[in-house]
């Protein structure tokens, strides 16, 4: 976990461009298996956008994650996200995101990559 926080801090400190004002992002994600509700995670993050160049930006955000399983005990963890958006052309962009959430024993993490084409 400390490694993730140090990497996020190093990214901010190494960024040569401007850091925009802070923001708050509250997000709820719910899971289902068919029509059976499994539970939700509500994240309350504080973050910042970072302009890397005219065509690239990044963001860092972190804060508490309230884990609310269906029929189980709720728990509070720590979660965060770091991402990059790059304009490849006027209509095509690429993005990537790394996310994590602490747990009782293991750190859970994920990576998202994608392309976005605007018509």
PDB file of N, CA and C in Angstrom:
ATOM      1  N   UNK A   1       0.825  -1.182   0.000  1.00  0.00           N
ATOM      2  CA  UNK A   1       0.000   0.000   0.000  1.00  0.00           C
ATOM      3  C   UNK A   1       0.876   1.255   0.000  1.00  0.00           C
ATOM      4  N   UNK A   2       1.929   1.251   0.832  1.00  0.00           N
ATOM      5  CA  UNK A   2       2.816   2.408   0.869  1.00  0.00           C
ATOM      6  C   UNK A   2       3.445   2.653  -0.491  1.00  0.00           C
ATOM      7  N   UNK A   3       3.753   1.573  -1.207  1.00  0.00           N
ATOM      8  CA  UNK A   3       4.341   1.701  -2.538  1.00  0.00           C
ATOM      9  C   UNK A   3       3.395   2.437  -3.479  1.00  0.00           C
ATOM     10  N   UNK A   4       2.109   2.129  -3.417  1.00  0.00           N
ATOM     11  CA  UNK A   4       1.125   2.791  -4.279  1.00  0.00           C
ATOM     12  C   UNK A   4       1.038   4.283  -3.961  1.00  0.00           C
ATOM     13  N   UNK A   5       1.029   4.620  -2.688  1.00  0.00           N
ATOM     14  CA  UNK A   5       0.950   6.025  -2.299  1.00  0.00           C
ATOM     15  C   UNK A   5       2.216   6.781  -2.686  1.00  0.00           C
ATOM     16  N   UNK A   6       3.384   6.137  -2.522  1.00  0.00           N
ATOM     17  CA  UNK A   6       4.643   6.773  -2.926  1.00  0.00           C
ATOM     18  C   UNK A   6       4.700   6.979  -4.435  1.00  0.00           C
ATOM     19  N   UNK A   7       4.218   6.009  -5.194  1.00  0.00           N
ATOM     20  CA  UNK A   7       4.203   6.149  -6.649  1.00  0.00           C
ATOM     21  C   UNK A   7       3.284   7.282  -7.082  1.00  0.00           C
ATOM     22  N   UNK A   8       2.134   7.406  -6.440  1.00  0.00           N
ATOM     23  CA  UNK A   8       1.208   8.496  -6.768  1.00  0.00           C
ATOM     24  C   UNK A   8       1.837   9.846  -6.437  1.00  0.00           C
ATOM     25  N   UNK A   9       2.483   9.950  -5.283  1.00  0.00           N
ATOM     26  CA  UNK A   9       3.125  11.209  -4.895  1.00  0.00           C
ATOM     27  C   UNK A   9       4.266  11.549  -5.847  1.00  0.00           C
ATOM     28  N   UNK A  10       5.042  10.556  -6.247  1.00  0.00           N
ATOM     29  CA  UNK A  10       6.151  10.794  -7.172  1.00  0.00           C
ATOM     30  C   UNK A  10       5.648  11.277  -8.521  1.00  0.00           C
ATOM     31  N   UNK A  11       4.518  10.744  -8.956  1.00  0.00           N
ATOM     32  CA  UNK A  11       3.939  11.172 -10.229  1.00  0.00           C
ATOM     33  C   UNK A  11       3.565  12.645 -10.177  1.00  0.00           C
ATOM     34  N   UNK A  12       2.946  13.059  -9.083  1.00  0.00           N
ATOM     35  CA  UNK A  12       2.555  14.466  -8.940  1.00  0.00           C
ATOM     36  C   UNK A  12       3.786  15.359  -8.899  1.00  0.00           C
ATOM     37  N   UNK A  13       4.785  14.969  -8.122  1.00  0.00           N
ATOM     38  CA  UNK A  13       5.983  15.798  -7.985  1.00  0.00           C
ATOM     39  C   UNK A  13       6.791  15.862  -9.279  1.00  0.00           C
ATOM     40  N   UNK A  14       6.755  14.795 -10.067  1.00  0.00           N
ATOM     41  CA  UNK A  14       7.526  14.756 -11.308  1.00  0.00           C
ATOM     42  C   UNK A  14       6.804  15.429 -12.467  1.00  0.00           C
ATOM     43  N   UNK A  15       5.533  15.713 -12.321  1.00  0.00           N
ATOM     44  CA  UNK A  15       4.749  16.314 -13.402  1.00  0.00           C
ATOM     45  C   UNK A  15       5.268  17.722 -13.698  1.00  0.00           C
ATOM     46  N   UNK A  16       5.714  17.977 -14.932  1.00  0.00           N
ATOM     47  CA  UNK A  16       6.278  19.276 -15.259  1.00  0.00           C
ATOM     48  C   UNK A  16       5.222  20.357 -15.477  1.00  0.00           C
ATOM     49  N   UNK A  17       3.995  19.968 -15.657  1.00  0.00           N
ATOM     50  CA  UNK A  17       2.950  20.927 -16.015  1.00  0.00           C
ATOM     51  C   UNK A  17       2.092  21.282 -14.801  1.00  0.00           C
ATOM     52  N   UNK A  18       1.074  22.068 -15.058  1.00  0.00           N
ATOM     53  CA  UNK A  18       0.231  22.627 -14.000  1.00  0.00           C
ATOM     54  C   UNK A  18      -0.705  21.590 -13.396  1.00  0.00           C
ATOM     55  N   UNK A  19      -0.927  21.721 -12.086  1.00  0.00           N
ATOM     56  CA  UNK A  19      -1.908  20.903 -11.392  1.00  0.00           C
ATOM     57  C   UNK A  19      -3.134  21.767 -11.154  1.00  0.00           C
ATOM     58  N   UNK A  20      -4.278  21.300 -11.640  1.00  0.00           N
ATOM     59  CA  UNK A  20      -5.528  22.045 -11.466  1.00  0.00           C
ATOM     60  C   UNK A  20      -6.004  21.918 -10.027  1.00  0.00           C
ATOM     61  N   UNK A  21      -6.975  22.722  -9.674  1.00  0.00           N
ATOM     62  CA  UNK A  21      -7.513  22.706  -8.326  1.00  0.00           C
ATOM     63  C   UNK A  21      -8.039  21.341  -7.927  1.00  0.00           C
ATOM     64  N   UNK A  22      -8.111  21.100  -6.637  1.00  0.00           N
ATOM     65  CA  UNK A  22      -8.605  19.805  -6.156  1.00  0.00           C
ATOM     66  C   UNK A  22     -10.095  19.636  -6.432  1.00  0.00           C
ATOM     67  N   UNK A  23     -10.538  18.394  -6.410  1.00  0.00           N
ATOM     68  CA  UNK A  23     -11.953  18.087  -6.595  1.00  0.00           C
ATOM     69  C   UNK A  23     -12.356  16.945  -5.672  1.00  0.00           C
ATOM     70  N   UNK A  24     -13.655  16.763  -5.509  1.00  0.00           N
ATOM     71  CA  UNK A  24     -14.217  15.652  -4.763  1.00  0.00           C
ATOM     72  C   UNK A  24     -14.998  14.790  -5.743  1.00  0.00           C
ATOM     73  N   UNK A  25     -14.791  13.484  -5.681  1.00  0.00           N
ATOM     74  CA  UNK A  25     -15.505  12.543  -6.543  1.00  0.00           C
ATOM     75  C   UNK A  25     -16.143  11.485  -5.652  1.00  0.00           C
ATOM     76  N   UNK A  26     -17.477  11.419  -5.670  1.00  0.00           N
ATOM     77  CA  UNK A  26     -18.194  10.403  -4.908  1.00  0.00           C
ATOM     78  C   UNK A  26     -18.811   9.453  -5.921  1.00  0.00           C
ATOM     79  N   UNK A  27     -18.473   8.161  -5.785  1.00  0.00           N
ATOM     80  CA  UNK A  27     -18.891   7.167  -6.773  1.00  0.00           C
ATOM     81  C   UNK A  27     -19.408   5.931  -6.058  1.00  0.00           C
ATOM     82  N   UNK A  28     -20.520   5.397  -6.542  1.00  0.00           N
ATOM     83  CA  UNK A  28     -21.088   4.163  -6.012  1.00  0.00           C
ATOM     84  C   UNK A  28     -21.081   3.108  -7.104  1.00  0.00           C
ATOM     85  N   UNK A  29     -20.553   1.929  -6.784  1.00  0.00           N
ATOM     86  CA  UNK A  29     -20.542   0.795  -7.706  1.00  0.00           C
ATOM     87  C   UNK A  29     -21.263  -0.366  -7.033  1.00  0.00           C
ATOM     88  N   UNK A  30     -22.266  -0.917  -7.718  1.00  0.00           N
ATOM     89  CA  UNK A  30     -23.047  -2.041  -7.183  1.00  0.00           C
ATOM     90  C   UNK A  30     -22.856  -3.256  -8.064  1.00  0.00           C
ATOM     91  N   UNK A  31     -22.881  -4.438  -7.453  1.00  0.00           N
ATOM     92  CA  UNK A  31     -22.704  -5.682  -8.196  1.00  0.00           C
ATOM     93  C   UNK A  31     -23.939  -6.557  -8.137  1.00  0.00           C
ATOM     94  N   UNK A  32     -24.158  -7.272  -9.228  1.00  0.00           N
ATOM     95  CA  UNK A  32     -25.284  -8.186  -9.337  1.00  0.00           C
ATOM     96  C   UNK A  32     -24.812  -9.483  -9.976  1.00  0.00           C
ATOM     97  N   UNK A  33     -25.398 -10.603  -9.570  1.00  0.00           N
ATOM     98  CA  UNK A  33     -25.227 -11.895 -10.242  1.00  0.00           C
ATOM     99  C   UNK A  33     -26.614 -12.247 -10.763  1.00  0.00           C
ATOM    100  N   UNK A  34     -26.821 -12.015 -12.054  1.00  0.00           N
ATOM    101  CA  UNK A  34     -28.168 -12.117 -12.597  1.00  0.00           C
ATOM    102  C   UNK A  34     -28.994 -10.989 -12.013  1.00  0.00           C
ATOM    103  N   UNK A  35     -30.079 -11.325 -11.339  1.00  0.00           N
ATOM    104  CA  UNK A  35     -30.884 -10.296 -10.684  1.00  0.00           C
ATOM    105  C   UNK A  35     -30.631 -10.254  -9.173  1.00  0.00           C
ATOM    106  N   UNK A  36     -29.656 -11.026  -8.686  1.00  0.00           N
ATOM    107  CA  UNK A  36     -29.343 -11.074  -7.262  1.00  0.00           C
ATOM    108  C   UNK A  36     -28.324  -9.996  -6.906  1.00  0.00           C
ATOM    109  N   UNK A  37     -28.728  -9.058  -6.044  1.00  0.00           N
ATOM    110  CA  UNK A  37     -27.863  -7.963  -5.608  1.00  0.00           C
ATOM    111  C   UNK A  37     -26.776  -8.494  -4.681  1.00  0.00           C
ATOM    112  N   UNK A  38     -25.510  -8.179  -4.980  1.00  0.00           N
ATOM    113  CA  UNK A  38     -24.389  -8.666  -4.179  1.00  0.00           C
ATOM    114  C   UNK A  38     -23.893  -7.638  -3.166  1.00  0.00           C
ATOM    115  N   UNK A  39     -24.023  -6.352  -3.493  1.00  0.00           N
ATOM    116  CA  UNK A  39     -23.560  -5.307  -2.589  1.00  0.00           C
ATOM    117  C   UNK A  39     -23.046  -4.109  -3.351  1.00  0.00           C
ATOM    118  N   UNK A  40     -22.542  -3.122  -2.600  1.00  0.00           N
ATOM    119  CA  UNK A  40     -22.045  -1.878  -3.197  1.00  0.00           C
ATOM    120  C   UNK A  40     -20.767  -1.431  -2.507  1.00  0.00           C
ATOM    121  N   UNK A  41     -20.008  -0.618  -3.221  1.00  0.00           N
ATOM    122  CA  UNK A  41     -18.858   0.085  -2.667  1.00  0.00           C
ATOM    123  C   UNK A  41     -19.059   1.556  -2.994  1.00  0.00           C
ATOM    124  N   UNK A  42     -19.038   2.409  -1.971  1.00  0.00           N
ATOM    125  CA  UNK A  42     -19.176   3.847  -2.158  1.00  0.00           C
ATOM    126  C   UNK A  42     -17.837   4.484  -1.808  1.00  0.00           C
ATOM    127  N   UNK A  43     -17.233   5.153  -2.805  1.00  0.00           N
ATOM    128  CA  UNK A  43     -15.930   5.788  -2.624  1.00  0.00           C
ATOM    129  C   UNK A  43     -16.093   7.294  -2.509  1.00  0.00           C
ATOM    130  N   UNK A  44     -15.372   7.889  -1.579  1.00  0.00           N
ATOM    131  CA  UNK A  44     -15.341   9.338  -1.416  1.00  0.00           C
ATOM    132  C   UNK A  44     -13.916   9.816  -1.595  1.00  0.00           C
ATOM    133  N   UNK A  45     -13.586  10.226  -2.800  1.00  0.00           N
ATOM    134  CA  UNK A  45     -12.206  10.575  -3.133  1.00  0.00           C
ATOM    135  C   UNK A  45     -11.982  12.083  -3.214  1.00  0.00           C
ATOM    136  N   UNK A  46     -10.788  12.481  -2.842  1.00  0.00           N
ATOM    137  CA  UNK A  46     -10.280  13.825  -3.118  1.00  0.00           C
ATOM    138  C   UNK A  46      -9.211  13.646  -4.170  1.00  0.00           C
ATOM    139  N   UNK A  47      -9.235  14.491  -5.201  1.00  0.00           N
ATOM    140  CA  UNK A  47      -8.294  14.299  -6.299  1.00  0.00           C
ATOM    141  C   UNK A  47      -7.824  15.597  -6.907  1.00  0.00           C
ATOM    142  N   UNK A  48      -6.976  15.446  -7.922  1.00  0.00           N
ATOM    143  CA  UNK A  48      -6.459  16.586  -8.673  1.00  0.00           C
ATOM    144  C   UNK A  48      -6.228  16.174 -10.118  1.00  0.00           C
ATOM    145  N   UNK A  49      -6.504  17.087 -11.035  1.00  0.00           N
ATOM    146  CA  UNK A  49      -6.193  16.908 -12.453  1.00  0.00           C
ATOM    147  C   UNK A  49      -4.838  17.542 -12.735  1.00  0.00           C
ATOM    148  N   UNK A  50      -4.077  16.924 -13.622  1.00  0.00           N
ATOM    149  CA  UNK A  50      -2.731  17.395 -13.941  1.00  0.00           C
ATOM    150  C   UNK A  50      -2.610  17.524 -15.455  1.00  0.00           C
ATOM    151  N   UNK A  51      -2.314  18.730 -15.956  1.00  0.00           N
ATOM    152  CA  UNK A  51      -2.061  18.923 -17.377  1.00  0.00           C
ATOM    153  C   UNK A  51      -0.619  18.530 -17.661  1.00  0.00           C
ATOM    154  N   UNK A  52      -0.444  17.482 -18.476  1.00  0.00           N
ATOM    155  CA  UNK A  52       0.899  17.021 -18.810  1.00  0.00           C
ATOM    156  C   UNK A  52       1.449  17.710 -20.050  1.00  0.00           C
ATOM    157  N   UNK A  53       0.563  18.015 -20.997  1.00  0.00           N
ATOM    158  CA  UNK A  53       0.926  18.706 -22.239  1.00  0.00           C
ATOM    159  C   UNK A  53      -0.364  19.222 -22.862  1.00  0.00           C
ATOM    160  N   UNK A  54      -0.269  19.760 -24.072  1.00  0.00           N
ATOM    161  CA  UNK A  54      -1.475  20.235 -24.767  1.00  0.00           C
ATOM    162  C   UNK A  54      -2.432  19.096 -25.099  1.00  0.00           C
ATOM    163  N   UNK A  55      -1.907  17.869 -25.218  1.00  0.00           N
ATOM    164  CA  UNK A  55      -2.751  16.745 -25.630  1.00  0.00           C
ATOM    165  C   UNK A  55      -2.859  15.637 -24.581  1.00  0.00           C
ATOM    166  N   UNK A  56      -2.307  15.838 -23.402  1.00  0.00           N
ATOM    167  CA  UNK A  56      -2.351  14.782 -22.389  1.00  0.00           C
ATOM    168  C   UNK A  56      -2.639  15.368 -21.004  1.00  0.00           C
ATOM    169  N   UNK A  57      -3.425  14.622 -20.248  1.00  0.00           N
ATOM    170  CA  UNK A  57      -3.714  15.005 -18.869  1.00  0.00           C
ATOM    171  C   UNK A  57      -3.729  13.746 -18.005  1.00  0.00           C
ATOM    172  N   UNK A  58      -3.603  13.955 -16.706  1.00  0.00           N
ATOM    173  CA  UNK A  58      -3.625  12.845 -15.759  1.00  0.00           C
ATOM    174  C   UNK A  58      -4.480  13.246 -14.567  1.00  0.00           C
ATOM    175  N   UNK A  59      -4.822  12.278 -13.751  1.00  0.00           N
ATOM    176  CA  UNK A  59      -5.543  12.555 -12.519  1.00  0.00           C
ATOM    177  C   UNK A  59      -5.115  11.563 -11.445  1.00  0.00           C
ATOM    178  N   UNK A  60      -5.185  12.019 -10.209  1.00  0.00           N
ATOM    179  CA  UNK A  60      -4.931  11.197  -9.028  1.00  0.00           C
ATOM    180  C   UNK A  60      -6.055  11.466  -8.041  1.00  0.00           C
ATOM    181  N   UNK A  61      -6.591  10.414  -7.436  1.00  0.00           N
ATOM    182  CA  UNK A  61      -7.633  10.597  -6.430  1.00  0.00           C
ATOM    183  C   UNK A  61      -7.593   9.428  -5.450  1.00  0.00           C
ATOM    184  N   UNK A  62      -7.939   9.713  -4.187  1.00  0.00           N
ATOM    185  CA  UNK A  62      -7.933   8.668  -3.169  1.00  0.00           C
ATOM    186  C   UNK A  62      -8.808   9.093  -1.995  1.00  0.00           C
ATOM    187  N   UNK A  63      -9.217   8.103  -1.208  1.00  0.00           N
ATOM    188  CA  UNK A  63     -10.024   8.370  -0.030  1.00  0.00           C
ATOM    189  C   UNK A  63     -10.673   7.108   0.501  1.00  0.00           C
ATOM    190  N   UNK A  64     -11.629   7.262   1.404  1.00  0.00           N
ATOM    191  CA  UNK A  64     -12.279   6.088   1.994  1.00  0.00           C
ATOM    192  C   UNK A  64     -13.206   5.386   1.001  1.00  0.00           C
ATOM    193  N   UNK A  65     -13.326   4.077   1.187  1.00  0.00           N
ATOM    194  CA  UNK A  65     -14.249   3.253   0.403  1.00  0.00           C
ATOM    195  C   UNK A  65     -15.116   2.492   1.393  1.00  0.00           C
ATOM    196  N   UNK A  66     -16.404   2.708   1.331  1.00  0.00           N
ATOM    197  CA  UNK A  66     -17.348   2.055   2.228  1.00  0.00           C
ATOM    198  C   UNK A  66     -17.896   0.813   1.532  1.00  0.00           C
ATOM    199  N   UNK A  67     -17.526  -0.358   2.020  1.00  0.00           N
ATOM    200  CA  UNK A  67     -17.909  -1.636   1.425  1.00  0.00           C
ATOM    201  C   UNK A  67     -19.191  -2.098   2.107  1.00  0.00           C
ATOM    202  N   UNK A  68     -20.244  -2.272   1.309  1.00  0.00           N
ATOM    203  CA  UNK A  68     -21.585  -2.574   1.831  1.00  0.00           C
ATOM    204  C   UNK A  68     -22.123  -3.858   1.189  1.00  0.00           C
ATOM    205  N   UNK A  69     -21.668  -5.027   1.659  1.00  0.00           N
ATOM    206  CA  UNK A  69     -22.156  -6.278   1.058  1.00  0.00           C
ATOM    207  C   UNK A  69     -23.610  -6.536   1.429  1.00  0.00           C
ATOM    208  N   UNK A  70     -24.336  -7.199   0.557  1.00  0.00           N
ATOM    209  CA  UNK A  70     -25.730  -7.533   0.824  1.00  0.00           C
ATOM    210  C   UNK A  70     -25.785  -8.574   1.938  1.00  0.00           C
ATOM    211  N   UNK A  71     -26.409  -8.225   3.048  1.00  0.00           N
ATOM    212  CA  UNK A  71     -26.576  -9.170   4.141  1.00  0.00           C
ATOM    213  C   UNK A  71     -25.343  -9.376   4.998  1.00  0.00           C
ATOM    214  N   UNK A  72     -24.272  -8.632   4.738  1.00  0.00           N
ATOM    215  CA  UNK A  72     -23.053  -8.802   5.523  1.00  0.00           C
ATOM    216  C   UNK A  72     -22.706  -7.550   6.292  1.00  0.00           C
ATOM    217  N   UNK A  73     -21.608  -7.612   7.019  1.00  0.00           N
ATOM    218  CA  UNK A  73     -21.144  -6.459   7.773  1.00  0.00           C
ATOM    219  C   UNK A  73     -20.439  -5.465   6.853  1.00  0.00           C
ATOM    220  N   UNK A  74     -20.742  -4.190   7.038  1.00  0.00           N
ATOM    221  CA  UNK A  74     -20.072  -3.155   6.245  1.00  0.00           C
ATOM    222  C   UNK A  74     -18.659  -2.956   6.780  1.00  0.00           C
ATOM    223  N   UNK A  75     -17.814  -2.380   5.941  1.00  0.00           N
ATOM    224  CA  UNK A  75     -16.415  -2.160   6.299  1.00  0.00           C
ATOM    225  C   UNK A  75     -15.934  -0.899   5.603  1.00  0.00           C
ATOM    226  N   UNK A  76     -14.927  -0.263   6.152  1.00  0.00           N
ATOM    227  CA  UNK A  76     -14.326   0.909   5.521  1.00  0.00           C
ATOM    228  C   UNK A  76     -12.898   0.564   5.123  1.00  0.00           C
ATOM    229  N   UNK A  77     -12.576   0.775   3.871  1.00  0.00           N
ATOM    230  CA  UNK A  77     -11.247   0.520   3.316  1.00  0.00           C
ATOM    231  C   UNK A  77     -10.702   1.824   2.755  1.00  0.00           C
ATOM    232  N   UNK A  78      -9.542   1.768   2.139  1.00  0.00           N
ATOM    233  CA  UNK A  78      -8.925   2.912   1.474  1.00  0.00           C
ATOM    234  C   UNK A  78      -8.783   2.563   0.003  1.00  0.00           C
ATOM    235  N   UNK A  79      -9.171   3.488  -0.890  1.00  0.00           N
ATOM    236  CA  UNK A  79      -9.085   3.222  -2.320  1.00  0.00           C
ATOM    237  C   UNK A  79      -8.547   4.441  -3.053  1.00  0.00           C
ATOM    238  N   UNK A  80      -8.116   4.212  -4.278  1.00  0.00           N
ATOM    239  CA  UNK A  80      -7.613   5.304  -5.087  1.00  0.00           C
ATOM    240  C   UNK A  80      -7.544   4.938  -6.553  1.00  0.00           C
ATOM    241  N   UNK A  81      -7.342   5.965  -7.376  1.00  0.00           N
ATOM    242  CA  UNK A  81      -7.244   5.799  -8.831  1.00  0.00           C
ATOM    243  C   UNK A  81      -6.231   6.784  -9.372  1.00  0.00           C
ATOM    244  N   UNK A  82      -5.531   6.375 -10.417  1.00  0.00           N
ATOM    245  CA  UNK A  82      -4.637   7.256 -11.162  1.00  0.00           C
ATOM    246  C   UNK A  82      -4.853   6.947 -12.631  1.00  0.00           C
ATOM    247  N   UNK A  83      -4.973   7.983 -13.441  1.00  0.00           N
ATOM    248  CA  UNK A  83      -5.243   7.752 -14.850  1.00  0.00           C
ATOM    249  C   UNK A  83      -4.614   8.794 -15.745  1.00  0.00           C
ATOM    250  N   UNK A  84      -4.583   8.452 -17.030  1.00  0.00           N
ATOM    251  CA  UNK A  84      -4.027   9.329 -18.061  1.00  0.00           C
ATOM    252  C   UNK A  84      -4.980   9.341 -19.248  1.00  0.00           C
ATOM    253  N   UNK A  85      -5.193  10.527 -19.824  1.00  0.00           N
ATOM    254  CA  UNK A  85      -5.953  10.699 -21.065  1.00  0.00           C
ATOM    255  C   UNK A  85      -5.041  11.362 -22.093  1.00  0.00           C
ATOM    256  N   UNK A  86      -5.008  10.799 -23.312  1.00  0.00           N
ATOM    257  CA  UNK A  86      -4.149  11.333 -24.366  1.00  0.00           C
ATOM    258  C   UNK A  86      -4.971  11.513 -25.638  1.00  0.00           C
ATOM    259  N   UNK A  87      -4.971  12.732 -26.187  1.00  0.00           N
ATOM    260  CA  UNK A  87      -5.621  12.987 -27.473  1.00  0.00           C
ATOM    261  C   UNK A  87      -4.657  12.554 -28.571  1.00  0.00           C
ATOM    262  N   UNK A  88      -5.053  11.533 -29.337  1.00  0.00           N
ATOM    263  CA  UNK A  88      -4.201  11.027 -30.410  1.00  0.00           C
ATOM    264  C   UNK A  88      -4.459  11.770 -31.711  1.00  0.00           C
ATOM    265  N   UNK A  89      -5.648  12.282 -31.860  1.00  0.00           N
ATOM    266  CA  UNK A  89      -6.028  13.121 -32.991  1.00  0.00           C
ATOM    267  C   UNK A  89      -7.221  13.943 -32.532  1.00  0.00           C
ATOM    268  N   UNK A  90      -7.813  14.692 -33.452  1.00  0.00           N
ATOM    269  CA  UNK A  90      -8.974  15.509 -33.089  1.00  0.00           C
ATOM    270  C   UNK A  90     -10.158  14.651 -32.650  1.00  0.00           C
ATOM    271  N   UNK A  91     -10.274  13.428 -33.187  1.00  0.00           N
ATOM    272  CA  UNK A  91     -11.426  12.579 -32.903  1.00  0.00           C
ATOM    273  C   UNK A  91     -11.097  11.324 -32.091  1.00  0.00           C
ATOM    274  N   UNK A  92      -9.813  11.000 -31.928  1.00  0.00           N
ATOM    275  CA  UNK A  92      -9.426   9.760 -31.262  1.00  0.00           C
ATOM    276  C   UNK A  92      -8.595  10.043 -30.022  1.00  0.00           C
ATOM    277  N   UNK A  93      -8.977   9.405 -28.930  1.00  0.00           N
ATOM    278  CA  UNK A  93      -8.242   9.543 -27.680  1.00  0.00           C
ATOM    279  C   UNK A  93      -7.996   8.188 -27.045  1.00  0.00           C
ATOM    280  N   UNK A  94      -6.963   8.108 -26.244  1.00  0.00           N
ATOM    281  CA  UNK A  94      -6.650   6.887 -25.501  1.00  0.00           C
ATOM    282  C   UNK A  94      -6.652   7.221 -24.010  1.00  0.00           C
ATOM    283  N   UNK A  95      -6.991   6.221 -23.201  1.00  0.00           N
ATOM    284  CA  UNK A  95      -6.989   6.441 -21.760  1.00  0.00           C
ATOM    285  C   UNK A  95      -6.546   5.174 -21.044  1.00  0.00           C
ATOM    286  N   UNK A  96      -6.042   5.373 -19.843  1.00  0.00           N
ATOM    287  CA  UNK A  96      -5.659   4.266 -18.987  1.00  0.00           C
ATOM    288  C   UNK A  96      -5.892   4.648 -17.542  1.00  0.00           C
ATOM    289  N   UNK A  97      -6.228   3.654 -16.721  1.00  0.00           N
ATOM    290  CA  UNK A  97      -6.484   3.914 -15.314  1.00  0.00           C
ATOM    291  C   UNK A  97      -6.010   2.735 -14.486  1.00  0.00           C
ATOM    292  N   UNK A  98      -5.380   3.037 -13.351  1.00  0.00           N
ATOM    293  CA  UNK A  98      -5.024   2.037 -12.351  1.00  0.00           C
ATOM    294  C   UNK A  98      -5.852   2.354 -11.102  1.00  0.00           C
ATOM    295  N   UNK A  99      -6.489   1.347 -10.523  1.00  0.00           N
ATOM    296  CA  UNK A  99      -7.283   1.556  -9.314  1.00  0.00           C
ATOM    297  C   UNK A  99      -6.916   0.496  -8.282  1.00  0.00           C
ATOM    298  N   UNK A 100      -7.118   0.849  -7.007  1.00  0.00           N
ATOM    299  CA  UNK A 100      -6.856  -0.112  -5.940  1.00  0.00           C
ATOM    300  C   UNK A 100      -7.823   0.113  -4.790  1.00  0.00           C
ATOM    301  N   UNK A 101      -7.985  -0.935  -3.983  1.00  0.00           N
ATOM    302  CA  UNK A 101      -8.740  -0.856  -2.733  1.00  0.00           C
ATOM    303  C   UNK A 101      -8.094  -1.825  -1.756  1.00  0.00           C
ATOM    304  N   UNK A 102      -7.927  -1.371  -0.522  1.00  0.00           N
ATOM    305  CA  UNK A 102      -7.354  -2.245   0.491  1.00  0.00           C
ATOM    306  C   UNK A 102      -8.380  -3.291   0.880  1.00  0.00           C
ATOM    307  N   UNK A 103      -7.924  -4.314   1.558  1.00  0.00           N
ATOM    308  CA  UNK A 103      -8.802  -5.370   2.038  1.00  0.00           C
ATOM    309  C   UNK A 103      -8.275  -5.913   3.342  1.00  0.00           C
ATOM    310  N   UNK A 104      -8.938  -6.930   3.875  1.00  0.00           N
ATOM    311  CA  UNK A 104      -8.505  -7.517   5.139  1.00  0.00           C
ATOM    312  C   UNK A 104      -7.089  -8.071   5.048  1.00  0.00           C
ATOM    313  N   UNK A 105      -6.766  -8.710   3.929  1.00  0.00           N
ATOM    314  CA  UNK A 105      -5.456  -9.332   3.792  1.00  0.00           C
ATOM    315  C   UNK A 105      -4.695  -8.851   2.560  1.00  0.00           C
ATOM    316  N   UNK A 106      -5.379  -8.682   1.451  1.00  0.00           N
ATOM    317  CA  UNK A 106      -4.721  -8.369   0.192  1.00  0.00           C
ATOM    318  C   UNK A 106      -5.208  -7.044  -0.385  1.00  0.00           C
ATOM    319  N   UNK A 107      -4.341  -6.428  -1.145  1.00  0.00           N
ATOM    320  CA  UNK A 107      -4.688  -5.232  -1.898  1.00  0.00           C
ATOM    321  C   UNK A 107      -5.294  -5.686  -3.229  1.00  0.00           C
ATOM    322  N   UNK A 108      -6.502  -5.239  -3.533  1.00  0.00           N
ATOM    323  CA  UNK A 108      -7.123  -5.553  -4.818  1.00  0.00           C
ATOM    324  C   UNK A 108      -6.868  -4.380  -5.759  1.00  0.00           C
ATOM    325  N   UNK A 109      -6.510  -4.680  -6.996  1.00  0.00           N
ATOM    326  CA  UNK A 109      -6.241  -3.612  -7.946  1.00  0.00           C
ATOM    327  C   UNK A 109      -6.731  -4.011  -9.330  1.00  0.00           C
ATOM    328  N   UNK A 110      -6.853  -3.005 -10.184  1.00  0.00           N
ATOM    329  CA  UNK A 110      -7.315  -3.246 -11.542  1.00  0.00           C
ATOM    330  C   UNK A 110      -6.723  -2.229 -12.492  1.00  0.00           C
ATOM    331  N   UNK A 111      -6.718  -2.585 -13.758  1.00  0.00           N
ATOM    332  CA  UNK A 111      -6.206  -1.712 -14.814  1.00  0.00           C
ATOM    333  C   UNK A 111      -7.260  -1.622 -15.900  1.00  0.00           C
ATOM    334  N   UNK A 112      -7.478  -0.408 -16.399  1.00  0.00           N
ATOM    335  CA  UNK A 112      -8.432  -0.171 -17.476  1.00  0.00           C
ATOM    336  C   UNK A 112      -7.695   0.565 -18.585  1.00  0.00           C
ATOM    337  N   UNK A 113      -7.824   0.105 -19.827  1.00  0.00           N
ATOM    338  CA  UNK A 113      -7.257   0.749 -21.001  1.00  0.00           C
ATOM    339  C   UNK A 113      -8.339   0.867 -22.053  1.00  0.00           C
ATOM    340  N   UNK A 114      -8.326   1.949 -22.824  1.00  0.00           N
ATOM    341  CA  UNK A 114      -9.350   2.078 -23.853  1.00  0.00           C
ATOM    342  C   UNK A 114      -9.056   3.155 -24.860  1.00  0.00           C
ATOM    343  N   UNK A 115      -9.861   3.136 -25.907  1.00  0.00           N
ATOM    344  CA  UNK A 115      -9.839   4.148 -26.959  1.00  0.00           C
ATOM    345  C   UNK A 115     -11.229   4.760 -27.043  1.00  0.00           C
ATOM    346  N   UNK A 116     -11.281   6.056 -27.320  1.00  0.00           N
ATOM    347  CA  UNK A 116     -12.565   6.726 -27.479  1.00  0.00           C
ATOM    348  C   UNK A 116     -12.540   7.496 -28.798  1.00  0.00           C
ATOM    349  N   UNK A 117     -13.499   7.181 -29.681  1.00  0.00           N
ATOM    350  CA  UNK A 117     -13.624   7.847 -30.971  1.00  0.00           C
ATOM    351  C   UNK A 117     -14.881   8.707 -30.955  1.00  0.00           C
ATOM    352  N   UNK A 118     -14.750   9.965 -31.242  1.00  0.00           N
ATOM    353  CA  UNK A 118     -15.888  10.897 -31.288  1.00  0.00           C
ATOM    354  C   UNK A 118     -16.299  11.145 -32.725  1.00  0.00           C
ATOM    355  N   UNK A 119     -17.587  11.091 -33.005  1.00  0.00           N
ATOM    356  CA  UNK A 119     -18.106  11.308 -34.363  1.00  0.00           C
ATOM    357  C   UNK A 119     -18.374  12.764 -34.624  1.00  0.00           C
TER     358      UNK A 119
END
